[in-house]
Each structure stands twice: as C-alpha cells, then as structure tokens.
Amino acid sequence: MQGYIALGIEATLPLPQILANEKAQSCKGFRLSVLANWLLGDAMKMTYFFLAASPIPWAFKICGLFQSACDAYLGIQYWKYGAGKIGDPFQDTTVRGEGVELSDKWKPAKDLRYQ
C-alpha cells in the first residue's frame, strides 16, 4: 500500500506547477532545462516500463503515463506562454484583460528607487 501511495504522489508532482502556470498565464521562473530533463526522464521511464523483459506492474505504467502527460502539458504551456517577460523580480503581476498590470496589493505608495 505504501508503494502505491508513493507512486501516486510522484505522479502528481507536476500538478502544482501546471496550476501556477495556468493562473499566471506565464511560465516565468520555470526553467526550460528542468522541463527538458523531465521529458527525457519520462521517455526513458516509459521505454523501460513497456519494453522490459520482466513484467512491470500496471500501477507503475499508469502513474508513469499520467506523469508523462502532465510533463507534456507543461511543455505545451511553455510553448504557449513562454518563459515570461523579464522585468523587476520584486513585482507581483496579475493578468487583467489584455495586459499585465501590477497587482494593487503590491503597488508601492511611492517609488523610492529614483530619488
């Protein structure tokens, strides 16, 4: 039972990143090298799971397929949204309508950088 719980947790690891990217409509801060390594690891894992001479339990195959699908969707998000715009890393942005504006919560009362 513990092994199945561990498989389920590992398979759902990409979900928080997927949700964060969707909410922000950006992949800012998510490195392409991480995505590439995840996809390469998925390809090797799936090759082993489905071409191994010894029998592999279906739980591994199902969780591996789900994680591969999540990682592929992260690739689609990266293609769709890109790495995000380079700007002030201390600004929190919120998507509103067509553009991206600074969230009211983080707007400074006075900009002290240029005094």
PDB file of N, CA and C in Angstrom:
ATOM      1  N   MET A   1       0.820  -1.202   0.000  1.00  0.00           N
ATOM      2  CA  MET A   1       0.000   0.000   0.000  1.00  0.00           C
ATOM      3  C   MET A   1       0.864   1.266   0.000  1.00  0.00           C
ATOM      4  N   GLN A   2       1.932   1.240   0.788  1.00  0.00           N
ATOM      5  CA  GLN A   2       2.813   2.410   0.862  1.00  0.00           C
ATOM      6  C   GLN A   2       3.436   2.714  -0.503  1.00  0.00           C
ATOM      7  N   GLY A   3       3.774   1.678  -1.253  1.00  0.00           N
ATOM      8  CA  GLY A   3       4.346   1.872  -2.583  1.00  0.00           C
ATOM      9  C   GLY A   3       3.367   2.529  -3.545  1.00  0.00           C
ATOM     10  N   TYR A   4       2.097   2.148  -3.468  1.00  0.00           N
ATOM     11  CA  TYR A   4       1.088   2.756  -4.334  1.00  0.00           C
ATOM     12  C   TYR A   4       0.868   4.225  -3.982  1.00  0.00           C
ATOM     13  N   ILE A   5       0.912   4.539  -2.690  1.00  0.00           N
ATOM     14  CA  ILE A   5       0.783   5.944  -2.263  1.00  0.00           C
ATOM     15  C   ILE A   5       1.969   6.751  -2.790  1.00  0.00           C
ATOM     16  N   ALA A   6       3.170   6.184  -2.684  1.00  0.00           N
ATOM     17  CA  ALA A   6       4.363   6.865  -3.193  1.00  0.00           C
ATOM     18  C   ALA A   6       4.275   7.080  -4.703  1.00  0.00           C
ATOM     19  N   LEU A   7       3.791   6.077  -5.435  1.00  0.00           N
ATOM     20  CA  LEU A   7       3.626   6.221  -6.888  1.00  0.00           C
ATOM     21  C   LEU A   7       2.640   7.341  -7.211  1.00  0.00           C
ATOM     22  N   GLY A   8       1.535   7.382  -6.476  1.00  0.00           N
ATOM     23  CA  GLY A   8       0.528   8.421  -6.705  1.00  0.00           C
ATOM     24  C   GLY A   8       1.066   9.809  -6.420  1.00  0.00           C
ATOM     25  N   ILE A   9       1.837   9.939  -5.346  1.00  0.00           N
ATOM     26  CA  ILE A   9       2.422  11.250  -5.015  1.00  0.00           C
ATOM     27  C   ILE A   9       3.404  11.676  -6.094  1.00  0.00           C
ATOM     28  N   GLU A  10       4.258  10.758  -6.514  1.00  0.00           N
ATOM     29  CA  GLU A  10       5.235  11.107  -7.550  1.00  0.00           C
ATOM     30  C   GLU A  10       4.556  11.493  -8.859  1.00  0.00           C
ATOM     31  N   ALA A  11       3.492  10.801  -9.202  1.00  0.00           N
ATOM     32  CA  ALA A  11       2.795  11.083 -10.466  1.00  0.00           C
ATOM     33  C   ALA A  11       2.138  12.456 -10.456  1.00  0.00           C
ATOM     34  N   THR A  12       1.764  12.953  -9.279  1.00  0.00           N
ATOM     35  CA  THR A  12       1.073  14.249  -9.198  1.00  0.00           C
ATOM     36  C   THR A  12       2.018  15.415  -8.920  1.00  0.00           C
ATOM     37  N   LEU A  13       3.309  15.185  -8.861  1.00  0.00           N
ATOM     38  CA  LEU A  13       4.250  16.278  -8.584  1.00  0.00           C
ATOM     39  C   LEU A  13       4.175  17.439  -9.584  1.00  0.00           C
ATOM     40  N   PRO A  14       3.923  17.223 -10.873  1.00  0.00           N
ATOM     41  CA  PRO A  14       3.853  18.363 -11.793  1.00  0.00           C
ATOM     42  C   PRO A  14       2.591  19.226 -11.643  1.00  0.00           C
ATOM     43  N   LEU A  15       1.559  18.730 -10.951  1.00  0.00           N
ATOM     44  CA  LEU A  15       0.286  19.460 -10.892  1.00  0.00           C
ATOM     45  C   LEU A  15       0.390  20.870 -10.296  1.00  0.00           C
ATOM     46  N   PRO A  16       1.110  21.099  -9.191  1.00  0.00           N
ATOM     47  CA  PRO A  16       1.211  22.474  -8.688  1.00  0.00           C
ATOM     48  C   PRO A  16       1.847  23.438  -9.700  1.00  0.00           C
ATOM     49  N   GLN A  17       2.849  22.951 -10.450  1.00  0.00           N
ATOM     50  CA  GLN A  17       3.479  23.808 -11.461  1.00  0.00           C
ATOM     51  C   GLN A  17       2.508  24.108 -12.592  1.00  0.00           C
ATOM     52  N   ILE A  18       1.740  23.123 -13.011  1.00  0.00           N
ATOM     53  CA  ILE A  18       0.737  23.315 -14.064  1.00  0.00           C
ATOM     54  C   ILE A  18      -0.283  24.357 -13.624  1.00  0.00           C
ATOM     55  N   LEU A  19      -0.770  24.229 -12.400  1.00  0.00           N
ATOM     56  CA  LEU A  19      -1.780  25.166 -11.892  1.00  0.00           C
ATOM     57  C   LEU A  19      -1.213  26.574 -11.747  1.00  0.00           C
ATOM     58  N   ALA A  20       0.026  26.697 -11.273  1.00  0.00           N
ATOM     59  CA  ALA A  20       0.653  28.019 -11.133  1.00  0.00           C
ATOM     60  C   ALA A  20       0.834  28.684 -12.497  1.00  0.00           C
ATOM     61  N   ASN A  21       1.260  27.897 -13.497  1.00  0.00           N
ATOM     62  CA  ASN A  21       1.432  28.448 -14.847  1.00  0.00           C
ATOM     63  C   ASN A  21       0.099  28.909 -15.426  1.00  0.00           C
ATOM     64  N   GLU A  22      -0.945  28.110 -15.230  1.00  0.00           N
ATOM     65  CA  GLU A  22      -2.270  28.484 -15.743  1.00  0.00           C
ATOM     66  C   GLU A  22      -2.772  29.758 -15.078  1.00  0.00           C
ATOM     67  N   LYS A  23      -2.606  29.848 -13.772  1.00  0.00           N
ATOM     68  CA  LYS A  23      -3.083  31.021 -13.042  1.00  0.00           C
ATOM     69  C   LYS A  23      -2.354  32.280 -13.493  1.00  0.00           C
ATOM     70  N   ALA A  24      -1.035  32.179 -13.663  1.00  0.00           N
ATOM     71  CA  ALA A  24      -0.229  33.340 -14.056  1.00  0.00           C
ATOM     72  C   ALA A  24      -0.243  33.581 -15.562  1.00  0.00           C
ATOM     73  N   GLN A  25      -0.715  32.596 -16.342  1.00  0.00           N
ATOM     74  CA  GLN A  25      -0.643  32.671 -17.804  1.00  0.00           C
ATOM     75  C   GLN A  25       0.795  32.944 -18.246  1.00  0.00           C
ATOM     76  N   SER A  26       1.739  32.320 -17.534  1.00  0.00           N
ATOM     77  CA  SER A  26       3.155  32.507 -17.796  1.00  0.00           C
ATOM     78  C   SER A  26       3.923  31.332 -17.212  1.00  0.00           C
ATOM     79  N   CYS A  27       5.096  31.072 -17.761  1.00  0.00           N
ATOM     80  CA  CYS A  27       5.994  30.061 -17.204  1.00  0.00           C
ATOM     81  C   CYS A  27       7.229  30.734 -16.625  1.00  0.00           C
ATOM     82  N   LYS A  28       7.093  32.005 -16.249  1.00  0.00           N
ATOM     83  CA  LYS A  28       8.211  32.758 -15.688  1.00  0.00           C
ATOM     84  C   LYS A  28       8.746  32.036 -14.464  1.00  0.00           C
ATOM     85  N   GLY A  29      10.056  31.837 -14.439  1.00  0.00           N
ATOM     86  CA  GLY A  29      10.703  31.165 -13.334  1.00  0.00           C
ATOM     87  C   GLY A  29      10.835  29.667 -13.519  1.00  0.00           C
ATOM     88  N   PHE A  30      10.164  29.102 -14.507  1.00  0.00           N
ATOM     89  CA  PHE A  30      10.262  27.668 -14.770  1.00  0.00           C
ATOM     90  C   PHE A  30      11.290  27.465 -15.865  1.00  0.00           C
ATOM     91  N   ARG A  31      12.371  26.793 -15.543  1.00  0.00           N
ATOM     92  CA  ARG A  31      13.492  26.670 -16.476  1.00  0.00           C
ATOM     93  C   ARG A  31      13.217  25.611 -17.540  1.00  0.00           C
ATOM     94  N   LEU A  32      13.593  25.951 -18.752  1.00  0.00           N
ATOM     95  CA  LEU A  32      13.451  25.029 -19.873  1.00  0.00           C
ATOM     96  C   LEU A  32      14.302  23.779 -19.657  1.00  0.00           C
ATOM     97  N   SER A  33      15.457  23.921 -19.012  1.00  0.00           N
ATOM     98  CA  SER A  33      16.322  22.761 -18.764  1.00  0.00           C
ATOM     99  C   SER A  33      15.636  21.752 -17.833  1.00  0.00           C
ATOM    100  N   VAL A  34      14.848  22.228 -16.868  1.00  0.00           N
ATOM    101  CA  VAL A  34      14.109  21.330 -15.983  1.00  0.00           C
ATOM    102  C   VAL A  34      13.074  20.560 -16.797  1.00  0.00           C
ATOM    103  N   LEU A  35      12.341  21.271 -17.636  1.00  0.00           N
ATOM    104  CA  LEU A  35      11.329  20.638 -18.479  1.00  0.00           C
ATOM    105  C   LEU A  35      11.964  19.603 -19.400  1.00  0.00           C
ATOM    106  N   ALA A  36      13.072  19.954 -20.025  1.00  0.00           N
ATOM    107  CA  ALA A  36      13.745  19.026 -20.941  1.00  0.00           C
ATOM    108  C   ALA A  36      14.190  17.761 -20.206  1.00  0.00           C
ATOM    109  N   ASN A  37      14.733  17.907 -19.008  1.00  0.00           N
ATOM    110  CA  ASN A  37      15.162  16.735 -18.243  1.00  0.00           C
ATOM    111  C   ASN A  37      13.981  15.891 -17.790  1.00  0.00           C
ATOM    112  N   TRP A  38      12.874  16.529 -17.418  1.00  0.00           N
ATOM    113  CA  TRP A  38      11.676  15.767 -17.048  1.00  0.00           C
ATOM    114  C   TRP A  38      11.178  14.953 -18.227  1.00  0.00           C
ATOM    115  N   LEU A  39      11.118  15.576 -19.414  1.00  0.00           N
ATOM    116  CA  LEU A  39      10.629  14.871 -20.600  1.00  0.00           C
ATOM    117  C   LEU A  39      11.569  13.735 -21.002  1.00  0.00           C
ATOM    118  N   LEU A  40      12.870  13.964 -20.892  1.00  0.00           N
ATOM    119  CA  LEU A  40      13.845  12.917 -21.198  1.00  0.00           C
ATOM    120  C   LEU A  40      13.705  11.762 -20.196  1.00  0.00           C
ATOM    121  N   GLY A  41      13.553  12.080 -18.934  1.00  0.00           N
ATOM    122  CA  GLY A  41      13.348  11.043 -17.918  1.00  0.00           C
ATOM    123  C   GLY A  41      12.075  10.254 -18.157  1.00  0.00           C
ATOM    124  N   ASP A  42      11.005  10.955 -18.549  1.00  0.00           N
ATOM    125  CA  ASP A  42       9.743  10.268 -18.864  1.00  0.00           C
ATOM    126  C   ASP A  42       9.923   9.304 -20.023  1.00  0.00           C
ATOM    127  N   ALA A  43      10.660   9.729 -21.056  1.00  0.00           N
ATOM    128  CA  ALA A  43      10.877   8.861 -22.222  1.00  0.00           C
ATOM    129  C   ALA A  43      11.644   7.604 -21.820  1.00  0.00           C
ATOM    130  N   MET A  44      12.667   7.772 -20.990  1.00  0.00           N
ATOM    131  CA  MET A  44      13.438   6.602 -20.550  1.00  0.00           C
ATOM    132  C   MET A  44      12.592   5.696 -19.655  1.00  0.00           C
ATOM    133  N   LYS A  45      11.804   6.298 -18.764  1.00  0.00           N
ATOM    134  CA  LYS A  45      10.966   5.516 -17.860  1.00  0.00           C
ATOM    135  C   LYS A  45       9.909   4.728 -18.640  1.00  0.00           C
ATOM    136  N   MET A  46       9.266   5.372 -19.601  1.00  0.00           N
ATOM    137  CA  MET A  46       8.231   4.694 -20.382  1.00  0.00           C
ATOM    138  C   MET A  46       8.830   3.581 -21.239  1.00  0.00           C
ATOM    139  N   THR A  47      10.018   3.822 -21.783  1.00  0.00           N
ATOM    140  CA  THR A  47      10.699   2.784 -22.563  1.00  0.00           C
ATOM    141  C   THR A  47      10.943   1.561 -21.696  1.00  0.00           C
ATOM    142  N   TYR A  48      11.435   1.781 -20.493  1.00  0.00           N
ATOM    143  CA  TYR A  48      11.686   0.659 -19.583  1.00  0.00           C
ATOM    144  C   TYR A  48      10.382  -0.034 -19.192  1.00  0.00           C
ATOM    145  N   PHE A  49       9.369   0.753 -18.811  1.00  0.00           N
ATOM    146  CA  PHE A  49       8.110   0.163 -18.345  1.00  0.00           C
ATOM    147  C   PHE A  49       7.446  -0.710 -19.401  1.00  0.00           C
ATOM    148  N   PHE A  50       7.519  -0.297 -20.662  1.00  0.00           N
ATOM    149  CA  PHE A  50       6.777  -1.011 -21.697  1.00  0.00           C
ATOM    150  C   PHE A  50       7.618  -1.974 -22.538  1.00  0.00           C
ATOM    151  N   LEU A  51       8.937  -1.886 -22.452  1.00  0.00           N
ATOM    152  CA  LEU A  51       9.779  -2.776 -23.252  1.00  0.00           C
ATOM    153  C   LEU A  51      10.630  -3.719 -22.413  1.00  0.00           C
ATOM    154  N   ALA A  52      10.505  -3.675 -21.100  1.00  0.00           N
ATOM    155  CA  ALA A  52      11.310  -4.526 -20.231  1.00  0.00           C
ATOM    156  C   ALA A  52      10.932  -5.997 -20.430  1.00  0.00           C
ATOM    157  N   ALA A  53      11.925  -6.867 -20.313  1.00  0.00           N
ATOM    158  CA  ALA A  53      11.673  -8.306 -20.451  1.00  0.00           C
ATOM    159  C   ALA A  53      10.915  -8.836 -19.238  1.00  0.00           C
ATOM    160  N   SER A  54      11.181  -8.273 -18.068  1.00  0.00           N
ATOM    161  CA  SER A  54      10.470  -8.706 -16.857  1.00  0.00           C
ATOM    162  C   SER A  54       9.142  -7.948 -16.754  1.00  0.00           C
ATOM    163  N   PRO A  55       8.137  -8.562 -16.154  1.00  0.00           N
ATOM    164  CA  PRO A  55       6.830  -7.891 -16.042  1.00  0.00           C
ATOM    165  C   PRO A  55       6.880  -6.700 -15.075  1.00  0.00           C
ATOM    166  N   ILE A  56       6.297  -5.600 -15.500  1.00  0.00           N
ATOM    167  CA  ILE A  56       6.206  -4.382 -14.687  1.00  0.00           C
ATOM    168  C   ILE A  56       4.737  -4.216 -14.287  1.00  0.00           C
ATOM    169  N   PRO A  57       4.445  -4.003 -12.996  1.00  0.00           N
ATOM    170  CA  PRO A  57       3.047  -3.842 -12.577  1.00  0.00           C
ATOM    171  C   PRO A  57       2.370  -2.663 -13.285  1.00  0.00           C
ATOM    172  N   TRP A  58       1.085  -2.815 -13.534  1.00  0.00           N
ATOM    173  CA  TRP A  58       0.328  -1.788 -14.251  1.00  0.00           C
ATOM    174  C   TRP A  58       0.264  -0.473 -13.493  1.00  0.00           C
ATOM    175  N   ALA A  59       0.372  -0.517 -12.174  1.00  0.00           N
ATOM    176  CA  ALA A  59       0.342   0.723 -11.394  1.00  0.00           C
ATOM    177  C   ALA A  59       1.493   1.640 -11.812  1.00  0.00           C
ATOM    178  N   PHE A  60       2.661   1.067 -12.048  1.00  0.00           N
ATOM    179  CA  PHE A  60       3.803   1.857 -12.499  1.00  0.00           C
ATOM    180  C   PHE A  60       3.525   2.461 -13.869  1.00  0.00           C
ATOM    181  N   LYS A  61       2.971   1.659 -14.751  1.00  0.00           N
ATOM    182  CA  LYS A  61       2.705   2.123 -16.114  1.00  0.00           C
ATOM    183  C   LYS A  61       1.659   3.238 -16.127  1.00  0.00           C
ATOM    184  N   ILE A  62       0.591   3.063 -15.356  1.00  0.00           N
ATOM    185  CA  ILE A  62      -0.476   4.075 -15.325  1.00  0.00           C
ATOM    186  C   ILE A  62       0.028   5.379 -14.722  1.00  0.00           C
ATOM    187  N   CYS A  63       0.738   5.293 -13.596  1.00  0.00           N
ATOM    188  CA  CYS A  63       1.269   6.512 -12.971  1.00  0.00           C
ATOM    189  C   CYS A  63       2.310   7.173 -13.871  1.00  0.00           C
ATOM    190  N   GLY A  64       3.133   6.359 -14.544  1.00  0.00           N
ATOM    191  CA  GLY A  64       4.125   6.907 -15.470  1.00  0.00           C
ATOM    192  C   GLY A  64       3.479   7.613 -16.650  1.00  0.00           C
ATOM    193  N   LEU A  65       2.418   7.018 -17.178  1.00  0.00           N
ATOM    194  CA  LEU A  65       1.698   7.664 -18.289  1.00  0.00           C
ATOM    195  C   LEU A  65       1.063   8.980 -17.850  1.00  0.00           C
ATOM    196  N   PHE A  66       0.483   8.995 -16.648  1.00  0.00           N
ATOM    197  CA  PHE A  66      -0.126  10.230 -16.143  1.00  0.00           C
ATOM    198  C   PHE A  66       0.929  11.311 -15.964  1.00  0.00           C
ATOM    199  N   GLN A  67       2.064  10.956 -15.356  1.00  0.00           N
ATOM    200  CA  GLN A  67       3.126  11.944 -15.152  1.00  0.00           C
ATOM    201  C   GLN A  67       3.694  12.418 -16.487  1.00  0.00           C
ATOM    202  N   SER A  68       3.836  11.523 -17.441  1.00  0.00           N
ATOM    203  CA  SER A  68       4.320  11.916 -18.772  1.00  0.00           C
ATOM    204  C   SER A  68       3.348  12.877 -19.442  1.00  0.00           C
ATOM    205  N   ALA A  69       2.051  12.621 -19.280  1.00  0.00           N
ATOM    206  CA  ALA A  69       1.044  13.522 -19.855  1.00  0.00           C
ATOM    207  C   ALA A  69       1.116  14.891 -19.193  1.00  0.00           C
ATOM    208  N   CYS A  70       1.309  14.916 -17.883  1.00  0.00           N
ATOM    209  CA  CYS A  70       1.438  16.206 -17.173  1.00  0.00           C
ATOM    210  C   CYS A  70       2.674  16.959 -17.653  1.00  0.00           C
ATOM    211  N   ASP A  71       3.797  16.254 -17.787  1.00  0.00           N
ATOM    212  CA  ASP A  71       5.027  16.900 -18.252  1.00  0.00           C
ATOM    213  C   ASP A  71       4.889  17.384 -19.693  1.00  0.00           C
ATOM    214  N   ALA A  72       4.187  16.611 -20.522  1.00  0.00           N
ATOM    215  CA  ALA A  72       3.940  17.057 -21.898  1.00  0.00           C
ATOM    216  C   ALA A  72       3.076  18.317 -21.892  1.00  0.00           C
ATOM    217  N   TYR A  73       2.090  18.371 -20.994  1.00  0.00           N
ATOM    218  CA  TYR A  73       1.260  19.579 -20.906  1.00  0.00           C
ATOM    219  C   TYR A  73       2.077  20.775 -20.420  1.00  0.00           C
ATOM    220  N   LEU A  74       3.044  20.550 -19.531  1.00  0.00           N
ATOM    221  CA  LEU A  74       3.954  21.630 -19.140  1.00  0.00           C
ATOM    222  C   LEU A  74       4.731  22.140 -20.362  1.00  0.00           C
ATOM    223  N   GLY A  75       5.101  21.213 -21.251  1.00  0.00           N
ATOM    224  CA  GLY A  75       5.769  21.621 -22.491  1.00  0.00           C
ATOM    225  C   GLY A  75       4.860  22.470 -23.365  1.00  0.00           C
ATOM    226  N   ILE A  76       3.597  22.112 -23.432  1.00  0.00           N
ATOM    227  CA  ILE A  76       2.622  22.904 -24.189  1.00  0.00           C
ATOM    228  C   ILE A  76       2.471  24.288 -23.558  1.00  0.00           C
ATOM    229  N   GLN A  77       2.414  24.331 -22.223  1.00  0.00           N
ATOM    230  CA  GLN A  77       2.318  25.625 -21.543  1.00  0.00           C
ATOM    231  C   GLN A  77       3.542  26.480 -21.835  1.00  0.00           C
ATOM    232  N   TYR A  78       4.727  25.870 -21.811  1.00  0.00           N
ATOM    233  CA  TYR A  78       5.957  26.632 -22.077  1.00  0.00           C
ATOM    234  C   TYR A  78       5.941  27.184 -23.496  1.00  0.00           C
ATOM    235  N   TRP A  79       5.453  26.391 -24.440  1.00  0.00           N
ATOM    236  CA  TRP A  79       5.346  26.849 -25.825  1.00  0.00           C
ATOM    237  C   TRP A  79       4.296  27.958 -25.927  1.00  0.00           C
ATOM    238  N   LYS A  80       3.191  27.801 -25.208  1.00  0.00           N
ATOM    239  CA  LYS A  80       2.076  28.744 -25.282  1.00  0.00           C
ATOM    240  C   LYS A  80       2.393  30.073 -24.591  1.00  0.00           C
ATOM    241  N   TYR A  81       2.949  30.010 -23.387  1.00  0.00           N
ATOM    242  CA  TYR A  81       3.164  31.214 -22.587  1.00  0.00           C
ATOM    243  C   TYR A  81       4.584  31.745 -22.649  1.00  0.00           C
ATOM    244  N   GLY A  82       5.540  30.899 -22.951  1.00  0.00           N
ATOM    245  CA  GLY A  82       6.933  31.318 -22.943  1.00  0.00           C
ATOM    246  C   GLY A  82       7.468  31.411 -21.527  1.00  0.00           C
ATOM    247  N   ALA A  83       8.688  31.909 -21.402  1.00  0.00           N
ATOM    248  CA  ALA A  83       9.343  31.987 -20.096  1.00  0.00           C
ATOM    249  C   ALA A  83       8.903  33.204 -19.308  1.00  0.00           C
ATOM    250  N   GLY A  84       8.063  34.036 -19.872  1.00  0.00           N
ATOM    251  CA  GLY A  84       7.623  35.243 -19.177  1.00  0.00           C
ATOM    252  C   GLY A  84       8.488  36.416 -19.567  1.00  0.00           C
ATOM    253  N   LYS A  85       8.022  37.595 -19.239  1.00  0.00           N
ATOM    254  CA  LYS A  85       8.763  38.803 -19.561  1.00  0.00           C
ATOM    255  C   LYS A  85       9.807  39.073 -18.491  1.00  0.00           C
ATOM    256  N   ILE A  86      10.949  39.556 -18.920  1.00  0.00           N
ATOM    257  CA  ILE A  86      11.998  39.910 -17.979  1.00  0.00           C
ATOM    258  C   ILE A  86      11.678  41.293 -17.440  1.00  0.00           C
ATOM    259  N   GLY A  87      11.633  41.404 -16.159  1.00  0.00           N
ATOM    260  CA  GLY A  87      11.308  42.676 -15.527  1.00  0.00           C
ATOM    261  C   GLY A  87      11.806  42.694 -14.108  1.00  0.00           C
ATOM    262  N   ASP A  88      11.202  43.525 -13.303  1.00  0.00           N
ATOM    263  CA  ASP A  88      11.569  43.637 -11.904  1.00  0.00           C
ATOM    264  C   ASP A  88      11.135  42.364 -11.182  1.00  0.00           C
ATOM    265  N   PRO A  89      12.071  41.587 -10.635  1.00  0.00           N
ATOM    266  CA  PRO A  89      11.692  40.333  -9.986  1.00  0.00           C
ATOM    267  C   PRO A  89      10.905  40.531  -8.696  1.00  0.00           C
ATOM    268  N   PHE A  90      10.841  41.756  -8.210  1.00  0.00           N
ATOM    269  CA  PHE A  90      10.141  42.020  -6.961  1.00  0.00           C
ATOM    270  C   PHE A  90       8.707  42.452  -7.184  1.00  0.00           C
ATOM    271  N   GLN A  91       8.282  42.515  -8.424  1.00  0.00           N
ATOM    272  CA  GLN A  91       6.912  42.906  -8.722  1.00  0.00           C
ATOM    273  C   GLN A  91       6.041  41.676  -8.885  1.00  0.00           C
ATOM    274  N   ASP A  92       4.888  41.704  -8.250  1.00  0.00           N
ATOM    275  CA  ASP A  92       3.902  40.647  -8.417  1.00  0.00           C
ATOM    276  C   ASP A  92       2.956  41.119  -9.509  1.00  0.00           C
ATOM    277  N   THR A  93       2.769  40.321 -10.560  1.00  0.00           N
ATOM    278  CA  THR A  93       1.897  40.745 -11.639  1.00  0.00           C
ATOM    279  C   THR A  93       0.617  39.937 -11.636  1.00  0.00           C
ATOM    280  N   THR A  94      -0.441  40.584 -12.073  1.00  0.00           N
ATOM    281  CA  THR A  94      -1.741  39.943 -12.176  1.00  0.00           C
ATOM    282  C   THR A  94      -2.256  40.177 -13.579  1.00  0.00           C
ATOM    283  N   VAL A  95      -2.801  39.149 -14.196  1.00  0.00           N
ATOM    284  CA  VAL A  95      -3.345  39.286 -15.547  1.00  0.00           C
ATOM    285  C   VAL A  95      -4.722  39.923 -15.437  1.00  0.00           C
ATOM    286  N   ARG A  96      -4.896  41.028 -16.172  1.00  0.00           N
ATOM    287  CA  ARG A  96      -6.176  41.721 -16.201  1.00  0.00           C
ATOM    288  C   ARG A  96      -6.474  42.095 -17.638  1.00  0.00           C
ATOM    289  N   GLY A  97      -7.514  41.523 -18.160  1.00  0.00           N
ATOM    290  CA  GLY A  97      -7.900  41.848 -19.531  1.00  0.00           C
ATOM    291  C   GLY A  97      -6.810  41.457 -20.509  1.00  0.00           C
ATOM    292  N   GLU A  98      -6.398  42.392 -21.343  1.00  0.00           N
ATOM    293  CA  GLU A  98      -5.409  42.127 -22.371  1.00  0.00           C
ATOM    294  C   GLU A  98      -3.975  42.208 -21.857  1.00  0.00           C
ATOM    295  N   GLY A  99      -3.713  43.100 -20.902  1.00  0.00           N
ATOM    296  CA  GLY A  99      -2.336  43.333 -20.477  1.00  0.00           C
ATOM    297  C   GLY A  99      -2.027  42.748 -19.120  1.00  0.00           C
ATOM    298  N   VAL A 100      -0.817  42.968 -18.701  1.00  0.00           N
ATOM    299  CA  VAL A 100      -0.382  42.541 -17.381  1.00  0.00           C
ATOM    300  C   VAL A 100      -0.099  43.800 -16.582  1.00  0.00           C
ATOM    301  N   GLU A 101      -0.741  43.914 -15.440  1.00  0.00           N
ATOM    302  CA  GLU A 101      -0.580  45.095 -14.600  1.00  0.00           C
ATOM    303  C   GLU A 101      -0.076  44.674 -13.235  1.00  0.00           C
ATOM    304  N   LEU A 102       0.486  45.631 -12.522  1.00  0.00           N
ATOM    305  CA  LEU A 102       0.937  45.381 -11.171  1.00  0.00           C
ATOM    306  C   LEU A 102      -0.267  45.216 -10.265  1.00  0.00           C
ATOM    307  N   SER A 103      -0.264  44.160  -9.475  1.00  0.00           N
ATOM    308  CA  SER A 103      -1.368  43.911  -8.556  1.00  0.00           C
ATOM    309  C   SER A 103      -1.479  45.060  -7.555  1.00  0.00           C
ATOM    310  N   ASP A 104      -2.702  45.462  -7.215  1.00  0.00           N
ATOM    311  CA  ASP A 104      -2.926  46.546  -6.262  1.00  0.00           C
ATOM    312  C   ASP A 104      -2.277  46.246  -4.918  1.00  0.00           C
ATOM    313  N   LYS A 105      -2.231  45.017  -4.571  1.00  0.00           N
ATOM    314  CA  LYS A 105      -1.683  44.606  -3.281  1.00  0.00           C
ATOM    315  C   LYS A 105      -0.209  44.985  -3.144  1.00  0.00           C
ATOM    316  N   TRP A 106       0.517  45.006  -4.267  1.00  0.00           N
ATOM    317  CA  TRP A 106       1.956  45.235  -4.208  1.00  0.00           C
ATOM    318  C   TRP A 106       2.388  46.588  -4.754  1.00  0.00           C
ATOM    319  N   LYS A 107       1.452  47.457  -5.099  1.00  0.00           N
ATOM    320  CA  LYS A 107       1.839  48.772  -5.612  1.00  0.00           C
ATOM    321  C   LYS A 107       2.452  49.601  -4.493  1.00  0.00           C
ATOM    322  N   PRO A 108       3.643  50.135  -4.706  1.00  0.00           N
ATOM    323  CA  PRO A 108       4.261  50.963  -3.657  1.00  0.00           C
ATOM    324  C   PRO A 108       3.550  52.307  -3.562  1.00  0.00           C
ATOM    325  N   ALA A 109       3.519  52.852  -2.382  1.00  0.00           N
ATOM    326  CA  ALA A 109       2.931  54.159  -2.181  1.00  0.00           C
ATOM    327  C   ALA A 109       3.779  55.213  -2.905  1.00  0.00           C
ATOM    328  N   LYS A 110       5.076  55.015  -2.921  1.00  0.00           N
ATOM    329  CA  LYS A 110       5.992  55.949  -3.545  1.00  0.00           C
ATOM    330  C   LYS A 110       7.188  55.149  -4.045  1.00  0.00           C
ATOM    331  N   ASP A 111       7.648  55.414  -5.256  1.00  0.00           N
ATOM    332  CA  ASP A 111       8.793  54.704  -5.807  1.00  0.00           C
ATOM    333  C   ASP A 111      10.068  55.368  -5.296  1.00  0.00           C
ATOM    334  N   LEU A 112      10.794  54.681  -4.421  1.00  0.00           N
ATOM    335  CA  LEU A 112      11.977  55.242  -3.786  1.00  0.00           C
ATOM    336  C   LEU A 112      13.256  54.969  -4.568  1.00  0.00           C
ATOM    337  N   ARG A 113      13.176  54.205  -5.659  1.00  0.00           N
ATOM    338  CA  ARG A 113      14.387  53.829  -6.390  1.00  0.00           C
ATOM    339  C   ARG A 113      15.024  55.011  -7.122  1.00  0.00           C
ATOM    340  N   TYR A 114      14.260  55.986  -7.506  1.00  0.00           N
ATOM    341  CA  TYR A 114      14.789  57.052  -8.370  1.00  0.00           C
ATOM    342  C   TYR A 114      14.877  58.387  -7.654  1.00  0.00           C
ATOM    343  N   GLN A 115      15.063  58.399  -6.369  1.00  0.00           N
ATOM    344  CA  GLN A 115      15.173  59.666  -5.632  1.00  0.00           C
ATOM    345  C   GLN A 115      16.600  60.042  -5.396  1.00  0.00           C
TER     346      GLN A 115
END
